[in-house]
Amino acid sequence: MSQPEPVERRVFVQADGRLAELMCEVHLLELTVGRARELRYLHREHPPDECIVHLQTAYRLLIADEA
């Protein structure tokens, strides 16, 4: 009998909290442009394909520039 596929779990944290600064594998809630800039700086050394925070902040800043 084969093992079932693991269930993908997503962890959500407040963007203005300390966990957003320390963890890479979390999804951000209520991310503002100002906070996106701060988190982008804190996660700048992390490869975007390994850091969800890096990707989310980049996207937030991108859509803010388009508006």
C-alpha atoms as a PDB file:
ATOM      1  CA  MET A   1       0.000   0.000   0.000  1.00  0.00           C
ATOM      2  CA  SER A   2       1.400   3.395  -0.943  1.00  0.00           C
ATOM      3  CA  GLN A   3       1.574   6.340   1.415  1.00  0.00           C
ATOM      4  CA  PRO A   4      -0.904   9.180   0.830  1.00  0.00           C
ATOM      5  CA  GLU A   5       0.435  12.509  -0.382  1.00  0.00           C
ATOM      6  CA  PRO A   6       1.251  14.860   2.508  1.00  0.00           C
ATOM      7  CA  VAL A   7      -1.302  17.573   3.116  1.00  0.00           C
ATOM      8  CA  GLU A   8       0.054  21.002   2.288  1.00  0.00           C
ATOM      9  CA  ARG A   9      -0.258  23.223   5.339  1.00  0.00           C
ATOM     10  CA  ARG A  10      -0.136  26.968   5.256  1.00  0.00           C
ATOM     11  CA  VAL A  11       0.779  29.106   8.207  1.00  0.00           C
ATOM     12  CA  PHE A  12      -0.611  32.639   8.315  1.00  0.00           C
ATOM     13  CA  VAL A  13       0.858  35.379  10.505  1.00  0.00           C
ATOM     14  CA  GLN A  14       0.206  39.077  10.941  1.00  0.00           C
ATOM     15  CA  ALA A  15       2.572  41.040   8.713  1.00  0.00           C
ATOM     16  CA  ASP A  16       3.317  43.521  11.503  1.00  0.00           C
ATOM     17  CA  GLY A  17       4.388  40.809  13.956  1.00  0.00           C
ATOM     18  CA  ARG A  18       7.795  39.461  14.892  1.00  0.00           C
ATOM     19  CA  LEU A  19       7.123  36.057  13.301  1.00  0.00           C
ATOM     20  CA  ALA A  20       6.984  37.692   9.875  1.00  0.00           C
ATOM     21  CA  GLU A  21      10.511  38.946  10.464  1.00  0.00           C
ATOM     22  CA  LEU A  22      11.884  35.578  11.556  1.00  0.00           C
ATOM     23  CA  MET A  23      10.080  32.986   9.460  1.00  0.00           C
ATOM     24  CA  CYS A  24      10.250  32.471   5.701  1.00  0.00           C
ATOM     25  CA  GLU A  25       7.583  29.823   5.192  1.00  0.00           C
ATOM     26  CA  VAL A  26       4.579  31.887   6.279  1.00  0.00           C
ATOM     27  CA  HIS A  27       1.835  33.774   4.494  1.00  0.00           C
ATOM     28  CA  LEU A  28       1.325  37.365   5.539  1.00  0.00           C
ATOM     29  CA  LEU A  29      -1.949  38.904   6.669  1.00  0.00           C
ATOM     30  CA  GLU A  30      -2.700  42.622   6.322  1.00  0.00           C
ATOM     31  CA  LEU A  31       0.554  43.485   4.538  1.00  0.00           C
ATOM     32  CA  THR A  32       0.934  47.224   3.989  1.00  0.00           C
ATOM     33  CA  VAL A  33       3.360  48.852   1.565  1.00  0.00           C
ATOM     34  CA  GLY A  34       5.469  50.227   4.425  1.00  0.00           C
ATOM     35  CA  ARG A  35       5.703  46.873   6.147  1.00  0.00           C
ATOM     36  CA  ALA A  36       6.439  45.176   2.811  1.00  0.00           C
ATOM     37  CA  ARG A  37       9.477  47.429   2.450  1.00  0.00           C
ATOM     38  CA  GLU A  38      10.681  46.526   5.960  1.00  0.00           C
ATOM     39  CA  LEU A  39      10.201  42.797   5.483  1.00  0.00           C
ATOM     40  CA  ARG A  40      11.727  42.881   2.020  1.00  0.00           C
ATOM     41  CA  TYR A  41      14.860  44.396   3.568  1.00  0.00           C
ATOM     42  CA  LEU A  42      14.955  41.811   6.369  1.00  0.00           C
ATOM     43  CA  HIS A  43      14.532  38.885   3.942  1.00  0.00           C
ATOM     44  CA  ARG A  44      16.695  40.367   1.144  1.00  0.00           C
ATOM     45  CA  GLU A  45      19.413  37.697   1.439  1.00  0.00           C
ATOM     46  CA  HIS A  46      16.942  34.813   1.104  1.00  0.00           C
ATOM     47  CA  PRO A  47      16.459  33.155  -2.288  1.00  0.00           C
ATOM     48  CA  PRO A  48      12.953  34.028  -3.552  1.00  0.00           C
ATOM     49  CA  ASP A  49      12.197  30.407  -4.401  1.00  0.00           C
ATOM     50  CA  GLU A  50      12.795  29.405  -0.765  1.00  0.00           C
ATOM     51  CA  CYS A  51      11.238  32.376   1.044  1.00  0.00           C
ATOM     52  CA  ILE A  52       7.507  33.016   0.760  1.00  0.00           C
ATOM     53  CA  VAL A  53       7.868  36.317   2.618  1.00  0.00           C
ATOM     54  CA  HIS A  54      10.375  37.529   0.022  1.00  0.00           C
ATOM     55  CA  LEU A  55       7.896  36.745  -2.770  1.00  0.00           C
ATOM     56  CA  GLN A  56       4.877  38.257  -1.043  1.00  0.00           C
ATOM     57  CA  THR A  57       6.642  41.506  -0.257  1.00  0.00           C
ATOM     58  CA  ALA A  58       7.943  41.813  -3.810  1.00  0.00           C
ATOM     59  CA  TYR A  59       4.443  41.264  -5.165  1.00  0.00           C
ATOM     60  CA  ARG A  60       2.904  43.794  -2.757  1.00  0.00           C
ATOM     61  CA  LEU A  61       5.427  46.421  -3.784  1.00  0.00           C
ATOM     62  CA  LEU A  62       4.888  45.635  -7.460  1.00  0.00           C
ATOM     63  CA  ILE A  63       1.134  46.118  -7.307  1.00  0.00           C
ATOM     64  CA  ALA A  64       1.603  49.295  -5.241  1.00  0.00           C
ATOM     65  CA  ASP A  65       3.811  50.735  -8.005  1.00  0.00           C
ATOM     66  CA  GLU A  66       1.164  49.986 -10.624  1.00  0.00           C
ATOM     67  CA  ALA A  67      -1.556  51.867  -8.726  1.00  0.00           C
END
